[in-house]
Amino acid sequence: MPSYSLGPALENAGLKTKIWVIDHNYNLWGRAIDELETPGLRKYCNSIAWHGYVGDPSAMTRVHDAFPDSEMYWTEGGPDYTDPKYLTNWSVWGQTFTGIMRNWCRSITTWNLSLDEQGKPKIGPFPCGGLLTINSATKEVTRSGQYWAIAHFSKFVRRHARRISSVAHAADLHHVAFENPNHEKVVIVTNAGVARNVSLQVGGSLVELPVDADSVSTVVWT
């Protein structure tokens, strides 16, 4: 049912439910704009759900620029459990999550919290794994690279935090900064290059941060 029909139906039933459109990949950004331009739709729907399998997260900024009050949510994306680096590709996911949050997204939801060693249960012919893998025979729990990357965001960035501007001078240094409701400043740095020292400055405060190669680091200013 189109959302411009679903919205009135929910309203007539006395239900206050937010409707999100698209729920698919970045390459459908044009469709998102078309839907938001539909007369009457934005009374019931002003939010877009995105997946990260195809396209680039900058597509979300294109939609934001057309509709600055629209809300973006990242609702699906998972690691390939057959990837030899499934357990150690935290810097890949650090870059991914940074790109999501730097392009107006308000939240990140991964493909699944926990699945078995074959990505089951699943509903499609694709090798998406979970944040955690629970071996169906031994019950051993292993943590994916995606798990370790998202921990930097979920542990330190609080609900209702605001993303704040940040700049860097190295192309292989990915970063995103937030201000928590208690005024803490949080900077998450993903280093896709060699080990180095990074100078971080917030206002008049300066810290020298040694970062390992292929790493994700978080600094919190209180």
N, C-alpha and C. Protein backbone atom coordinates (compact mmCIF):
# COMPACT_ATOMS: atom_id res chain seq x y z
N MET A 1 0.85 -1.19 0.00
CA MET A 1 0.00 0.00 0.00
C MET A 1 0.88 1.24 0.00
N PRO A 2 0.69 2.19 -0.92
CA PRO A 2 1.50 3.41 -0.90
C PRO A 2 1.37 4.14 0.42
N SER A 3 2.46 4.81 0.83
CA SER A 3 2.44 5.47 2.13
C SER A 3 1.41 6.57 2.21
N TYR A 4 1.03 7.20 1.05
CA TYR A 4 0.02 8.24 1.10
C TYR A 4 -1.37 7.66 1.30
N SER A 5 -1.55 6.34 1.15
CA SER A 5 -2.78 5.66 1.52
C SER A 5 -2.69 5.09 2.92
N LEU A 6 -1.50 4.59 3.27
CA LEU A 6 -1.30 4.00 4.58
C LEU A 6 -1.40 5.06 5.68
N GLY A 7 -0.88 6.25 5.43
CA GLY A 7 -0.91 7.30 6.44
C GLY A 7 -2.32 7.63 6.88
N PRO A 8 -3.24 7.97 5.95
CA PRO A 8 -4.62 8.24 6.37
C PRO A 8 -5.29 7.05 7.05
N ALA A 9 -4.96 5.82 6.60
CA ALA A 9 -5.56 4.64 7.22
C ALA A 9 -5.14 4.52 8.68
N LEU A 10 -3.86 4.77 8.96
CA LEU A 10 -3.39 4.74 10.34
C LEU A 10 -4.00 5.87 11.16
N GLU A 11 -4.09 7.03 10.54
CA GLU A 11 -4.67 8.18 11.23
C GLU A 11 -6.12 7.93 11.58
N ASN A 12 -6.88 7.37 10.64
CA ASN A 12 -8.30 7.08 10.88
C ASN A 12 -8.48 6.02 11.96
N ALA A 13 -7.48 5.16 12.12
CA ALA A 13 -7.54 4.13 13.17
C ALA A 13 -7.05 4.66 14.51
N GLY A 14 -6.69 5.93 14.55
CA GLY A 14 -6.23 6.52 15.80
C GLY A 14 -4.81 6.16 16.17
N LEU A 15 -4.01 5.73 15.18
CA LEU A 15 -2.64 5.31 15.45
C LEU A 15 -1.66 6.39 15.03
N LYS A 16 -0.72 6.69 15.89
CA LYS A 16 0.32 7.65 15.57
C LYS A 16 1.60 6.87 15.28
N THR A 17 1.80 6.54 14.02
CA THR A 17 2.91 5.70 13.60
C THR A 17 3.73 6.42 12.55
N LYS A 18 5.04 6.47 12.72
CA LYS A 18 5.90 7.07 11.72
C LYS A 18 6.11 6.09 10.57
N ILE A 19 6.05 6.60 9.37
CA ILE A 19 6.26 5.79 8.16
C ILE A 19 7.59 6.18 7.55
N TRP A 20 8.43 5.18 7.26
CA TRP A 20 9.71 5.42 6.59
C TRP A 20 9.63 4.84 5.18
N VAL A 21 10.10 5.60 4.20
CA VAL A 21 10.06 5.13 2.81
C VAL A 21 11.41 4.56 2.40
N ILE A 22 11.43 3.95 1.22
CA ILE A 22 12.58 3.35 0.54
C ILE A 22 13.01 2.05 1.20
N ASP A 23 13.69 2.09 2.36
CA ASP A 23 14.25 0.89 3.01
C ASP A 23 15.05 0.07 2.02
N HIS A 24 15.92 0.76 1.32
CA HIS A 24 16.76 0.11 0.30
C HIS A 24 18.04 0.90 0.13
N ASN A 25 18.75 0.68 -0.96
CA ASN A 25 20.12 1.14 -1.10
C ASN A 25 20.24 2.62 -1.51
N TYR A 26 21.47 3.14 -1.32
CA TYR A 26 21.76 4.54 -1.62
C TYR A 26 21.43 4.92 -3.07
N ASN A 27 21.57 3.96 -4.00
CA ASN A 27 21.37 4.31 -5.40
C ASN A 27 19.92 4.68 -5.72
N LEU A 28 19.02 4.53 -4.77
CA LEU A 28 17.62 4.91 -4.97
C LEU A 28 17.33 6.30 -4.40
N TRP A 29 18.35 7.12 -4.28
CA TRP A 29 18.15 8.46 -3.72
C TRP A 29 17.17 9.28 -4.55
N GLY A 30 17.17 9.09 -5.86
CA GLY A 30 16.22 9.81 -6.71
C GLY A 30 14.78 9.43 -6.41
N ARG A 31 14.56 8.15 -6.14
CA ARG A 31 13.22 7.70 -5.77
C ARG A 31 12.79 8.31 -4.44
N ALA A 32 13.74 8.44 -3.51
CA ALA A 32 13.41 9.06 -2.23
C ALA A 32 12.92 10.49 -2.43
N ILE A 33 13.61 11.25 -3.28
CA ILE A 33 13.18 12.61 -3.55
C ILE A 33 11.82 12.63 -4.22
N ASP A 34 11.59 11.73 -5.18
CA ASP A 34 10.29 11.66 -5.85
C ASP A 34 9.17 11.39 -4.85
N GLU A 35 9.43 10.47 -3.91
CA GLU A 35 8.38 10.15 -2.94
C GLU A 35 8.10 11.34 -2.02
N LEU A 36 9.15 12.02 -1.58
CA LEU A 36 8.94 13.16 -0.69
C LEU A 36 8.25 14.32 -1.41
N GLU A 37 8.32 14.35 -2.73
CA GLU A 37 7.63 15.38 -3.51
C GLU A 37 6.16 15.04 -3.75
N THR A 38 5.73 13.83 -3.39
CA THR A 38 4.34 13.43 -3.60
C THR A 38 3.41 14.29 -2.78
N PRO A 39 2.43 14.94 -3.39
CA PRO A 39 1.51 15.80 -2.63
C PRO A 39 0.82 15.05 -1.49
N GLY A 40 0.85 15.63 -0.33
CA GLY A 40 0.18 15.05 0.83
C GLY A 40 0.97 14.02 1.59
N LEU A 41 2.07 13.51 1.01
CA LEU A 41 2.79 12.41 1.66
C LEU A 41 3.49 12.86 2.94
N ARG A 42 4.07 14.05 2.95
CA ARG A 42 4.93 14.43 4.06
C ARG A 42 4.15 14.72 5.34
N LYS A 43 2.84 14.77 5.24
CA LYS A 43 2.05 14.86 6.47
C LYS A 43 2.23 13.59 7.30
N TYR A 44 2.47 12.48 6.61
CA TYR A 44 2.55 11.19 7.29
C TYR A 44 3.97 10.61 7.27
N CYS A 45 4.79 11.09 6.36
CA CYS A 45 6.10 10.47 6.19
C CYS A 45 7.13 11.52 5.83
N ASN A 46 8.17 11.59 6.63
CA ASN A 46 9.26 12.50 6.32
C ASN A 46 10.61 11.84 6.61
N SER A 47 10.61 10.51 6.58
CA SER A 47 11.81 9.76 6.96
C SER A 47 12.16 8.75 5.89
N ILE A 48 13.47 8.53 5.72
CA ILE A 48 13.96 7.58 4.72
C ILE A 48 14.83 6.54 5.41
N ALA A 49 14.58 5.27 5.12
CA ALA A 49 15.39 4.16 5.62
C ALA A 49 16.35 3.73 4.52
N TRP A 50 17.61 3.59 4.85
CA TRP A 50 18.64 3.30 3.86
C TRP A 50 19.36 1.98 4.16
N HIS A 51 19.80 1.32 3.08
CA HIS A 51 20.72 0.19 3.15
C HIS A 51 22.03 0.60 2.50
N GLY A 52 23.11 -0.07 2.86
CA GLY A 52 24.42 0.33 2.37
C GLY A 52 25.08 -0.61 1.40
N TYR A 53 24.33 -1.45 0.71
CA TYR A 53 24.95 -2.46 -0.16
C TYR A 53 25.36 -1.90 -1.52
N VAL A 54 24.61 -0.91 -2.03
CA VAL A 54 24.87 -0.37 -3.36
C VAL A 54 24.87 1.15 -3.29
N GLY A 55 25.87 1.78 -3.91
CA GLY A 55 25.92 3.23 -3.93
C GLY A 55 26.82 3.79 -2.84
N ASP A 56 26.68 5.08 -2.61
CA ASP A 56 27.56 5.81 -1.69
C ASP A 56 26.72 6.59 -0.69
N PRO A 57 27.17 6.69 0.58
CA PRO A 57 26.36 7.40 1.58
C PRO A 57 26.14 8.87 1.27
N SER A 58 26.93 9.46 0.38
CA SER A 58 26.70 10.85 0.01
C SER A 58 25.33 11.05 -0.64
N ALA A 59 24.71 9.96 -1.10
CA ALA A 59 23.36 10.05 -1.66
C ALA A 59 22.38 10.57 -0.62
N MET A 60 22.62 10.26 0.66
CA MET A 60 21.74 10.76 1.70
C MET A 60 21.82 12.27 1.83
N THR A 61 23.00 12.82 1.59
CA THR A 61 23.14 14.27 1.63
C THR A 61 22.39 14.91 0.47
N ARG A 62 22.34 14.24 -0.69
CA ARG A 62 21.56 14.77 -1.81
C ARG A 62 20.09 14.91 -1.42
N VAL A 63 19.58 13.90 -0.74
CA VAL A 63 18.18 13.96 -0.31
C VAL A 63 18.01 15.04 0.76
N HIS A 64 18.96 15.11 1.68
CA HIS A 64 18.89 16.14 2.73
C HIS A 64 18.90 17.54 2.13
N ASP A 65 19.74 17.74 1.12
CA ASP A 65 19.82 19.06 0.50
C ASP A 65 18.50 19.44 -0.17
N ALA A 66 17.79 18.45 -0.70
CA ALA A 66 16.49 18.72 -1.33
C ALA A 66 15.39 18.91 -0.29
N PHE A 67 15.49 18.19 0.82
CA PHE A 67 14.50 18.26 1.90
C PHE A 67 15.25 18.32 3.23
N PRO A 68 15.70 19.48 3.64
CA PRO A 68 16.56 19.60 4.84
C PRO A 68 15.91 19.11 6.13
N ASP A 69 14.59 19.07 6.19
CA ASP A 69 13.94 18.61 7.42
C ASP A 69 13.64 17.13 7.40
N SER A 70 14.03 16.43 6.34
CA SER A 70 13.79 14.98 6.29
C SER A 70 14.75 14.26 7.23
N GLU A 71 14.36 13.08 7.69
CA GLU A 71 15.17 12.30 8.63
C GLU A 71 15.70 11.05 7.95
N MET A 72 16.97 10.74 8.21
CA MET A 72 17.63 9.59 7.60
C MET A 72 17.95 8.54 8.66
N TYR A 73 17.69 7.29 8.33
CA TYR A 73 18.00 6.18 9.23
C TYR A 73 18.64 5.06 8.41
N TRP A 74 19.74 4.53 8.94
CA TRP A 74 20.42 3.40 8.27
C TRP A 74 19.90 2.12 8.90
N THR A 75 19.19 1.31 8.13
CA THR A 75 18.42 0.21 8.71
C THR A 75 18.91 -1.19 8.34
N GLU A 76 19.97 -1.26 7.51
CA GLU A 76 20.45 -2.61 7.20
C GLU A 76 21.84 -2.57 6.59
N GLY A 77 22.68 -3.48 7.04
CA GLY A 77 24.01 -3.67 6.46
C GLY A 77 24.78 -4.66 7.31
N GLY A 78 25.40 -5.61 6.67
CA GLY A 78 26.10 -6.63 7.44
C GLY A 78 27.34 -7.14 6.75
N PRO A 79 28.23 -7.77 7.50
CA PRO A 79 29.47 -8.30 6.94
C PRO A 79 29.25 -9.63 6.24
N ASP A 80 30.10 -9.94 5.30
CA ASP A 80 30.08 -11.22 4.59
C ASP A 80 30.78 -12.25 5.48
N TYR A 81 30.03 -13.24 5.98
CA TYR A 81 30.64 -14.19 6.91
C TYR A 81 31.65 -15.12 6.23
N THR A 82 31.67 -15.12 4.88
CA THR A 82 32.67 -15.92 4.15
C THR A 82 33.95 -15.13 3.90
N ASP A 83 33.97 -13.84 4.24
CA ASP A 83 35.15 -13.00 4.06
C ASP A 83 36.24 -13.46 5.02
N PRO A 84 37.45 -13.72 4.54
CA PRO A 84 38.54 -14.13 5.44
C PRO A 84 38.80 -13.11 6.54
N LYS A 85 38.42 -11.84 6.31
CA LYS A 85 38.65 -10.79 7.30
C LYS A 85 37.39 -10.46 8.09
N TYR A 86 36.44 -11.36 8.09
CA TYR A 86 35.17 -11.13 8.80
C TYR A 86 35.39 -10.73 10.26
N LEU A 87 36.37 -11.33 10.90
CA LEU A 87 36.61 -11.07 12.32
C LEU A 87 37.50 -9.86 12.58
N THR A 88 38.15 -9.34 11.55
CA THR A 88 39.17 -8.32 11.78
C THR A 88 39.02 -7.06 10.93
N ASN A 89 37.91 -6.93 10.19
CA ASN A 89 37.77 -5.78 9.29
C ASN A 89 37.11 -4.58 9.98
N TRP A 90 37.51 -4.31 11.22
CA TRP A 90 36.91 -3.21 11.97
C TRP A 90 37.16 -1.85 11.33
N SER A 91 38.32 -1.68 10.68
CA SER A 91 38.56 -0.37 10.06
C SER A 91 37.68 -0.16 8.84
N VAL A 92 37.34 -1.23 8.14
CA VAL A 92 36.38 -1.12 7.02
C VAL A 92 35.04 -0.63 7.53
N TRP A 93 34.58 -1.23 8.64
CA TRP A 93 33.29 -0.83 9.19
C TRP A 93 33.37 0.51 9.90
N GLY A 94 34.53 0.84 10.45
CA GLY A 94 34.69 2.18 11.01
C GLY A 94 34.50 3.25 9.95
N GLN A 95 35.08 3.01 8.76
CA GLN A 95 34.89 3.94 7.64
C GLN A 95 33.42 3.98 7.23
N THR A 96 32.78 2.80 7.17
CA THR A 96 31.38 2.74 6.76
C THR A 96 30.50 3.53 7.71
N PHE A 97 30.65 3.29 9.01
CA PHE A 97 29.80 3.99 9.99
C PHE A 97 30.09 5.49 10.01
N THR A 98 31.35 5.85 9.80
CA THR A 98 31.69 7.27 9.74
C THR A 98 30.99 7.94 8.56
N GLY A 99 31.02 7.29 7.39
CA GLY A 99 30.35 7.84 6.23
C GLY A 99 28.86 7.99 6.43
N ILE A 100 28.26 7.03 7.11
CA ILE A 100 26.83 7.09 7.40
C ILE A 100 26.52 8.30 8.27
N MET A 101 27.26 8.45 9.36
CA MET A 101 26.96 9.51 10.31
C MET A 101 27.34 10.90 9.78
N ARG A 102 28.27 10.97 8.83
CA ARG A 102 28.63 12.27 8.26
C ARG A 102 27.67 12.70 7.15
N ASN A 103 26.70 11.86 6.84
CA ASN A 103 25.73 12.18 5.79
C ASN A 103 24.31 12.19 6.32
N TRP A 104 24.15 12.77 7.52
CA TRP A 104 22.84 13.14 8.07
C TRP A 104 22.03 12.00 8.64
N CYS A 105 22.61 10.81 8.80
CA CYS A 105 21.85 9.71 9.40
C CYS A 105 21.73 9.91 10.91
N ARG A 106 20.61 9.47 11.45
CA ARG A 106 20.34 9.61 12.88
C ARG A 106 20.60 8.32 13.65
N SER A 107 20.70 7.20 12.97
CA SER A 107 20.90 5.93 13.67
C SER A 107 21.47 4.90 12.72
N ILE A 108 22.02 3.84 13.31
CA ILE A 108 22.57 2.72 12.54
C ILE A 108 21.99 1.43 13.11
N THR A 109 21.40 0.62 12.24
CA THR A 109 20.90 -0.71 12.61
C THR A 109 21.59 -1.72 11.71
N THR A 110 22.29 -2.69 12.27
CA THR A 110 23.01 -3.66 11.46
C THR A 110 22.07 -4.77 10.98
N TRP A 111 22.61 -5.60 10.10
CA TRP A 111 21.79 -6.66 9.48
C TRP A 111 21.16 -7.57 10.53
N ASN A 112 21.94 -8.04 11.48
CA ASN A 112 21.42 -8.86 12.56
C ASN A 112 22.38 -8.83 13.74
N LEU A 113 21.84 -9.03 14.92
CA LEU A 113 22.68 -9.04 16.11
C LEU A 113 23.51 -10.30 16.18
N SER A 114 22.88 -11.46 16.05
CA SER A 114 23.63 -12.72 16.15
C SER A 114 23.03 -13.76 15.21
N LEU A 115 23.90 -14.46 14.50
CA LEU A 115 23.52 -15.53 13.57
C LEU A 115 24.50 -16.68 13.74
N ASP A 116 24.20 -17.80 13.08
CA ASP A 116 25.13 -18.92 13.20
C ASP A 116 26.25 -18.81 12.17
N GLU A 117 27.08 -19.82 12.09
CA GLU A 117 28.27 -19.76 11.25
C GLU A 117 27.95 -19.75 9.75
N GLN A 118 26.71 -19.98 9.38
CA GLN A 118 26.28 -19.90 7.98
C GLN A 118 25.32 -18.74 7.75
N GLY A 119 25.31 -17.80 8.68
CA GLY A 119 24.46 -16.63 8.52
C GLY A 119 22.98 -16.93 8.69
N LYS A 120 22.63 -18.01 9.33
CA LYS A 120 21.23 -18.39 9.50
C LYS A 120 20.73 -18.01 10.89
N PRO A 121 19.43 -17.80 11.04
CA PRO A 121 18.40 -17.85 10.00
C PRO A 121 18.45 -16.63 9.09
N LYS A 122 18.11 -16.81 7.82
CA LYS A 122 18.11 -15.71 6.87
C LYS A 122 17.01 -15.93 5.84
N ILE A 123 16.69 -14.88 5.11
CA ILE A 123 15.58 -14.96 4.16
C ILE A 123 16.03 -14.67 2.75
N GLY A 124 17.30 -14.69 2.49
CA GLY A 124 17.77 -14.40 1.15
C GLY A 124 19.05 -15.13 0.82
N PRO A 125 19.39 -15.22 -0.46
CA PRO A 125 20.59 -15.96 -0.89
C PRO A 125 21.84 -15.11 -0.84
N PHE A 126 22.15 -14.56 0.34
CA PHE A 126 23.33 -13.73 0.46
C PHE A 126 24.07 -14.09 1.75
N PRO A 127 25.40 -13.91 1.77
CA PRO A 127 26.20 -14.37 2.90
C PRO A 127 26.38 -13.31 3.98
N CYS A 128 25.30 -12.70 4.43
CA CYS A 128 25.40 -11.68 5.48
C CYS A 128 25.50 -12.35 6.84
N GLY A 129 26.48 -11.94 7.61
CA GLY A 129 26.63 -12.45 8.97
C GLY A 129 26.13 -11.46 9.99
N GLY A 130 26.18 -11.83 11.23
CA GLY A 130 25.73 -10.97 12.31
C GLY A 130 26.88 -10.23 12.96
N LEU A 131 26.53 -9.33 13.89
CA LEU A 131 27.56 -8.73 14.72
C LEU A 131 28.30 -9.83 15.48
N LEU A 132 27.54 -10.79 15.95
CA LEU A 132 28.09 -11.95 16.64
C LEU A 132 27.78 -13.21 15.84
N THR A 133 28.67 -14.19 15.92
CA THR A 133 28.40 -15.51 15.36
C THR A 133 28.33 -16.50 16.52
N ILE A 134 27.25 -17.26 16.56
CA ILE A 134 27.10 -18.31 17.57
C ILE A 134 27.16 -19.66 16.85
N ASN A 135 28.22 -20.40 17.07
CA ASN A 135 28.39 -21.67 16.40
C ASN A 135 27.27 -22.62 16.79
N SER A 136 26.59 -23.18 15.78
CA SER A 136 25.41 -24.00 16.04
C SER A 136 25.74 -25.30 16.75
N ALA A 137 26.98 -25.77 16.64
CA ALA A 137 27.37 -27.03 17.29
C ALA A 137 28.01 -26.79 18.65
N THR A 138 28.98 -25.88 18.70
CA THR A 138 29.74 -25.69 19.93
C THR A 138 29.20 -24.57 20.83
N LYS A 139 28.32 -23.71 20.25
CA LYS A 139 27.76 -22.54 20.96
C LYS A 139 28.83 -21.48 21.25
N GLU A 140 30.01 -21.63 20.63
CA GLU A 140 31.05 -20.62 20.79
C GLU A 140 30.59 -19.29 20.18
N VAL A 141 30.89 -18.19 20.86
CA VAL A 141 30.52 -16.85 20.38
C VAL A 141 31.78 -16.14 19.88
N THR A 142 31.73 -15.66 18.65
CA THR A 142 32.82 -14.85 18.11
C THR A 142 32.27 -13.49 17.69
N ARG A 143 33.13 -12.49 17.76
CA ARG A 143 32.73 -11.12 17.48
C ARG A 143 33.34 -10.66 16.16
N SER A 144 32.52 -10.10 15.30
CA SER A 144 32.97 -9.68 13.98
C SER A 144 33.70 -8.35 14.05
N GLY A 145 34.39 -8.02 12.95
CA GLY A 145 34.99 -6.70 12.86
C GLY A 145 33.95 -5.60 12.95
N GLN A 146 32.76 -5.87 12.42
CA GLN A 146 31.67 -4.90 12.51
C GLN A 146 31.30 -4.65 13.97
N TYR A 147 31.30 -5.70 14.77
CA TYR A 147 30.99 -5.57 16.20
C TYR A 147 31.96 -4.59 16.87
N TRP A 148 33.26 -4.78 16.63
CA TRP A 148 34.25 -3.94 17.30
C TRP A 148 34.17 -2.49 16.82
N ALA A 149 33.82 -2.29 15.55
CA ALA A 149 33.69 -0.92 15.03
C ALA A 149 32.47 -0.22 15.63
N ILE A 150 31.34 -0.89 15.64
CA ILE A 150 30.12 -0.22 16.11
C ILE A 150 30.18 0.02 17.62
N ALA A 151 31.02 -0.74 18.33
CA ALA A 151 31.15 -0.53 19.77
C ALA A 151 31.63 0.88 20.08
N HIS A 152 32.46 1.44 19.20
CA HIS A 152 32.95 2.80 19.43
C HIS A 152 31.82 3.82 19.35
N PHE A 153 30.83 3.54 18.53
CA PHE A 153 29.70 4.45 18.40
C PHE A 153 28.66 4.20 19.50
N SER A 154 28.34 2.95 19.72
CA SER A 154 27.25 2.65 20.67
C SER A 154 27.66 2.87 22.12
N LYS A 155 28.93 2.75 22.44
CA LYS A 155 29.37 2.88 23.83
C LYS A 155 29.55 4.34 24.23
N PHE A 156 30.00 5.18 23.30
CA PHE A 156 30.39 6.54 23.68
C PHE A 156 29.44 7.63 23.19
N VAL A 157 28.70 7.38 22.13
CA VAL A 157 27.77 8.38 21.60
C VAL A 157 26.40 8.13 22.21
N ARG A 158 25.89 9.10 22.95
CA ARG A 158 24.65 8.92 23.71
C ARG A 158 23.43 9.30 22.88
N ARG A 159 22.29 8.78 23.30
CA ARG A 159 21.02 9.15 22.66
C ARG A 159 20.85 10.67 22.70
N HIS A 160 20.39 11.23 21.60
CA HIS A 160 20.17 12.67 21.44
C HIS A 160 21.47 13.45 21.27
N ALA A 161 22.59 12.75 21.05
CA ALA A 161 23.83 13.47 20.71
C ALA A 161 23.67 14.17 19.37
N ARG A 162 24.47 15.20 19.15
CA ARG A 162 24.49 15.93 17.89
C ARG A 162 25.83 15.72 17.22
N ARG A 163 25.81 15.50 15.92
CA ARG A 163 27.08 15.47 15.20
C ARG A 163 27.58 16.89 15.03
N ILE A 164 28.87 17.09 15.26
CA ILE A 164 29.47 18.41 15.11
C ILE A 164 30.57 18.34 14.05
N SER A 165 30.92 19.48 13.50
CA SER A 165 31.87 19.54 12.40
C SER A 165 33.26 19.08 12.84
N SER A 166 33.94 18.37 11.95
CA SER A 166 35.33 17.97 12.19
C SER A 166 36.05 17.92 10.86
N VAL A 167 37.34 18.24 10.88
CA VAL A 167 38.14 18.23 9.66
C VAL A 167 39.44 17.48 9.94
N ALA A 168 40.01 16.90 8.87
CA ALA A 168 41.29 16.19 8.98
C ALA A 168 42.13 16.54 7.76
N HIS A 169 43.43 16.23 7.86
CA HIS A 169 44.36 16.58 6.79
C HIS A 169 45.00 15.34 6.16
N ALA A 170 44.40 14.18 6.34
CA ALA A 170 44.91 12.95 5.74
C ALA A 170 43.74 12.18 5.15
N ALA A 171 43.86 11.79 3.88
CA ALA A 171 42.75 11.14 3.19
C ALA A 171 42.39 9.78 3.77
N ASP A 172 43.37 9.10 4.37
CA ASP A 172 43.10 7.76 4.90
C ASP A 172 42.79 7.79 6.39
N LEU A 173 42.48 8.99 6.92
CA LEU A 173 42.09 9.14 8.31
C LEU A 173 40.63 9.57 8.34
N HIS A 174 39.75 8.64 8.71
CA HIS A 174 38.32 8.90 8.69
C HIS A 174 37.86 9.26 10.10
N HIS A 175 36.99 10.26 10.21
CA HIS A 175 36.66 10.79 11.52
C HIS A 175 35.24 11.32 11.54
N VAL A 176 34.65 11.30 12.72
CA VAL A 176 33.35 11.91 12.94
C VAL A 176 33.29 12.32 14.41
N ALA A 177 32.66 13.46 14.66
CA ALA A 177 32.63 14.02 16.02
C ALA A 177 31.19 14.28 16.46
N PHE A 178 30.96 14.15 17.76
CA PHE A 178 29.63 14.34 18.33
C PHE A 178 29.74 15.16 19.61
N GLU A 179 28.62 15.78 19.97
CA GLU A 179 28.48 16.36 21.30
C GLU A 179 27.32 15.67 21.99
N ASN A 180 27.60 15.04 23.12
CA ASN A 180 26.56 14.36 23.88
C ASN A 180 25.69 15.38 24.63
N PRO A 181 24.50 14.97 25.08
CA PRO A 181 23.64 15.89 25.84
C PRO A 181 24.30 16.48 27.08
N ASN A 182 25.27 15.76 27.67
CA ASN A 182 25.98 16.29 28.85
C ASN A 182 27.17 17.16 28.47
N HIS A 183 27.27 17.50 27.17
CA HIS A 183 28.31 18.38 26.62
C HIS A 183 29.67 17.71 26.45
N GLU A 184 29.75 16.40 26.68
CA GLU A 184 30.95 15.68 26.29
C GLU A 184 31.15 15.80 24.78
N LYS A 185 32.40 15.90 24.36
CA LYS A 185 32.75 15.83 22.95
C LYS A 185 33.36 14.46 22.68
N VAL A 186 32.90 13.82 21.62
CA VAL A 186 33.37 12.48 21.26
C VAL A 186 33.90 12.52 19.83
N VAL A 187 35.12 12.05 19.63
CA VAL A 187 35.70 11.96 18.29
C VAL A 187 36.09 10.51 18.04
N ILE A 188 35.58 9.95 16.96
CA ILE A 188 35.90 8.58 16.56
C ILE A 188 36.78 8.65 15.32
N VAL A 189 37.96 8.06 15.42
CA VAL A 189 38.96 8.13 14.35
C VAL A 189 39.24 6.72 13.84
N THR A 190 39.06 6.52 12.54
CA THR A 190 39.41 5.25 11.90
C THR A 190 40.64 5.49 11.04
N ASN A 191 41.69 4.75 11.34
CA ASN A 191 42.95 4.88 10.61
C ASN A 191 43.09 3.71 9.64
N ALA A 192 42.90 3.99 8.37
CA ALA A 192 43.02 2.94 7.35
C ALA A 192 44.44 2.83 6.81
N GLY A 193 45.36 3.66 7.34
CA GLY A 193 46.73 3.65 6.85
C GLY A 193 47.70 3.09 7.87
N VAL A 194 48.91 3.60 7.85
CA VAL A 194 49.98 3.11 8.72
C VAL A 194 49.82 3.71 10.11
N ALA A 195 50.52 3.13 11.08
CA ALA A 195 50.53 3.68 12.43
C ALA A 195 51.09 5.09 12.42
N ARG A 196 50.53 5.95 13.25
CA ARG A 196 50.96 7.34 13.27
C ARG A 196 50.50 8.01 14.56
N ASN A 197 50.95 9.22 14.77
CA ASN A 197 50.43 10.06 15.84
C ASN A 197 49.49 11.08 15.22
N VAL A 198 48.35 11.29 15.87
CA VAL A 198 47.34 12.21 15.38
C VAL A 198 47.13 13.30 16.43
N SER A 199 47.14 14.55 15.99
CA SER A 199 46.85 15.68 16.88
C SER A 199 45.36 16.01 16.79
N LEU A 200 44.69 15.95 17.92
CA LEU A 200 43.27 16.28 17.97
C LEU A 200 43.09 17.55 18.78
N GLN A 201 42.35 18.49 18.21
CA GLN A 201 42.12 19.76 18.90
C GLN A 201 40.63 20.05 18.96
N VAL A 202 40.14 20.32 20.14
CA VAL A 202 38.76 20.74 20.36
C VAL A 202 38.82 22.03 21.15
N GLY A 203 38.46 23.14 20.52
CA GLY A 203 38.60 24.44 21.18
C GLY A 203 40.05 24.67 21.54
N GLY A 204 40.31 24.96 22.81
CA GLY A 204 41.68 25.19 23.26
C GLY A 204 42.38 23.95 23.75
N SER A 205 41.71 22.79 23.69
CA SER A 205 42.30 21.54 24.18
C SER A 205 42.97 20.78 23.05
N LEU A 206 44.15 20.29 23.29
CA LEU A 206 44.91 19.56 22.29
C LEU A 206 45.42 18.26 22.89
N VAL A 207 45.27 17.16 22.15
CA VAL A 207 45.78 15.87 22.62
C VAL A 207 46.50 15.19 21.48
N GLU A 208 47.60 14.53 21.80
CA GLU A 208 48.34 13.73 20.83
C GLU A 208 47.89 12.28 20.99
N LEU A 209 47.34 11.73 19.92
CA LEU A 209 46.78 10.38 19.98
C LEU A 209 47.58 9.44 19.09
N PRO A 210 48.27 8.45 19.66
CA PRO A 210 48.92 7.44 18.81
C PRO A 210 47.88 6.43 18.32
N VAL A 211 47.80 6.24 17.02
CA VAL A 211 46.82 5.29 16.47
C VAL A 211 47.55 4.19 15.71
N ASP A 212 47.16 2.98 15.96
CA ASP A 212 47.75 1.84 15.26
C ASP A 212 47.29 1.81 13.81
N ALA A 213 48.03 1.10 12.98
CA ALA A 213 47.57 0.85 11.62
C ALA A 213 46.29 0.02 11.68
N ASP A 214 45.38 0.28 10.73
CA ASP A 214 44.15 -0.52 10.63
C ASP A 214 43.42 -0.54 11.97
N SER A 215 43.01 0.63 12.45
CA SER A 215 42.46 0.72 13.81
C SER A 215 41.30 1.70 13.87
N VAL A 216 40.52 1.57 14.95
CA VAL A 216 39.46 2.53 15.30
C VAL A 216 39.73 3.00 16.72
N SER A 217 39.72 4.30 16.93
CA SER A 217 40.00 4.88 18.25
C SER A 217 38.94 5.90 18.60
N THR A 218 38.68 6.07 19.88
CA THR A 218 37.71 7.06 20.35
C THR A 218 38.33 7.91 21.44
N VAL A 219 38.12 9.22 21.34
CA VAL A 219 38.56 10.16 22.38
C VAL A 219 37.33 10.89 22.89
N VAL A 220 37.22 11.02 24.23
CA VAL A 220 36.09 11.71 24.85
C VAL A 220 36.62 12.86 25.67
N TRP A 221 36.12 14.07 25.41
CA TRP A 221 36.42 15.25 26.21
C TRP A 221 35.27 15.47 27.19
N THR A 222 35.56 15.58 28.48
CA THR A 222 34.51 15.84 29.46
C THR A 222 34.58 17.29 29.93
